[in-house]
């Protein structure tokens, strides 16, 4: 079964937003947060754009913070929030009817 958890954000070119295990770990470490912090505190604009920047670096690791900011300036803030939320939702979808029965292979 294939789980296509990629969201496309049109910037200078179509960019893939994919929230992976490594991306989430880098984001949490950089922000000094835990998953519990994320669940209880919600996702504000600053956190969302930092997370999107980490997702952009997954595809292009050499992007600097300034380059990410320039890319994010290409679209309205509402689009960033919407696409970021879609990427988060896609990452947590399992495609399994009963996720508690999911097993690693």
Protein backbone atom coordinates (compact mmCIF):
# COMPACT_ATOMS: atom_id res chain seq x y z
CA UNK A 1 0.00 0.00 0.00
CA UNK A 2 1.32 3.42 -0.97
CA UNK A 3 0.84 6.45 1.27
CA UNK A 4 1.39 9.60 -0.80
CA UNK A 5 1.89 12.13 1.97
CA UNK A 6 3.34 14.93 -0.19
CA UNK A 7 1.80 18.39 -0.54
CA UNK A 8 2.93 20.67 -3.37
CA UNK A 9 3.65 24.32 -2.63
CA UNK A 10 4.13 26.47 -5.73
CA UNK A 11 7.04 28.82 -5.06
CA UNK A 12 9.87 29.52 -7.54
CA UNK A 13 8.93 26.04 -8.77
CA UNK A 14 6.67 23.35 -7.35
CA UNK A 15 8.18 22.34 -4.02
CA UNK A 16 7.37 19.19 -2.07
CA UNK A 17 6.26 19.52 1.52
CA UNK A 18 6.64 16.16 3.17
CA UNK A 19 6.77 15.80 6.92
CA UNK A 20 9.02 12.85 7.68
CA UNK A 21 10.44 11.44 10.90
CA UNK A 22 13.80 13.14 10.30
CA UNK A 23 12.20 16.45 9.39
CA UNK A 24 10.08 16.42 12.54
CA UNK A 25 13.08 15.53 14.73
CA UNK A 26 15.18 18.37 13.25
CA UNK A 27 12.32 20.83 13.71
CA UNK A 28 11.64 19.81 17.33
CA UNK A 29 15.36 19.91 18.21
CA UNK A 30 15.85 23.31 16.57
CA UNK A 31 12.86 24.76 18.41
CA UNK A 32 13.61 22.89 21.66
CA UNK A 33 10.10 21.40 21.67
CA UNK A 34 8.60 17.99 22.31
CA UNK A 35 5.65 16.40 20.54
CA UNK A 36 3.66 17.03 23.71
CA UNK A 37 4.48 20.75 23.42
CA UNK A 38 3.23 20.71 19.83
CA UNK A 39 -0.01 18.94 20.75
CA UNK A 40 -0.79 21.19 23.69
CA UNK A 41 0.43 24.51 22.29
CA UNK A 42 -0.98 24.44 18.78
CA UNK A 43 0.70 25.66 15.63
CA UNK A 44 1.23 29.39 15.33
CA UNK A 45 2.60 31.17 12.26
CA UNK A 46 6.22 31.21 13.41
CA UNK A 47 6.21 27.48 14.16
CA UNK A 48 4.43 26.67 10.92
CA UNK A 49 6.88 28.59 8.76
CA UNK A 50 9.83 27.01 10.59
CA UNK A 51 8.33 23.58 9.96
CA UNK A 52 7.74 24.41 6.29
CA UNK A 53 11.36 25.57 6.01
CA UNK A 54 12.51 22.22 7.41
CA UNK A 55 10.33 20.43 4.87
CA UNK A 56 11.87 22.53 2.08
CA UNK A 57 15.35 21.60 3.33
CA UNK A 58 14.41 17.92 3.15
CA UNK A 59 14.32 18.34 -0.62
CA UNK A 60 17.17 20.88 -0.83
CA UNK A 61 19.44 20.63 2.25
CA UNK A 62 21.63 23.63 1.37
CA UNK A 63 18.81 26.18 1.66
CA UNK A 64 19.64 28.83 4.22
CA UNK A 65 17.09 30.40 6.53
CA UNK A 66 17.20 33.61 4.44
CA UNK A 67 16.62 31.64 1.22
CA UNK A 68 13.67 29.84 2.81
CA UNK A 69 12.23 33.19 3.90
CA UNK A 70 12.59 34.53 0.35
CA UNK A 71 10.79 31.49 -1.03
CA UNK A 72 7.99 31.77 1.53
CA UNK A 73 7.54 35.45 0.64
CA UNK A 74 6.32 34.30 -2.80
CA UNK A 75 2.90 33.21 -1.51
CA UNK A 76 0.27 34.70 0.81
CA UNK A 77 0.46 33.83 4.50
CA UNK A 78 -2.88 32.04 4.33
CA UNK A 79 -1.53 29.70 1.66
CA UNK A 80 1.48 28.88 3.84
CA UNK A 81 -0.74 28.03 6.80
CA UNK A 82 -3.09 25.94 4.65
CA UNK A 83 -0.34 23.99 2.87
CA UNK A 84 1.57 23.44 6.10
CA UNK A 85 -1.56 22.11 7.80
CA UNK A 86 -2.20 19.81 4.83
CA UNK A 87 1.36 18.45 5.06
CA UNK A 88 0.96 17.78 8.78
CA UNK A 89 -2.37 16.06 8.22
CA UNK A 90 -0.94 13.97 5.38
CA UNK A 91 1.98 12.87 7.57
CA UNK A 92 -0.29 11.55 10.28
CA UNK A 93 -2.73 9.72 8.00
CA UNK A 94 -2.12 6.01 8.13
CA UNK A 95 -4.35 4.69 5.35
CA UNK A 96 -5.21 1.89 7.78
CA UNK A 97 -8.79 1.42 8.94
CA UNK A 98 -7.75 0.62 12.51
CA UNK A 99 -4.42 2.38 13.22
CA UNK A 100 -4.06 0.64 16.60
CA UNK A 101 -3.57 -2.63 14.70
CA UNK A 102 -0.77 -1.24 12.53
CA UNK A 103 2.49 -3.14 12.74
CA UNK A 104 5.96 -2.29 11.51
CA UNK A 105 7.28 -4.54 8.78
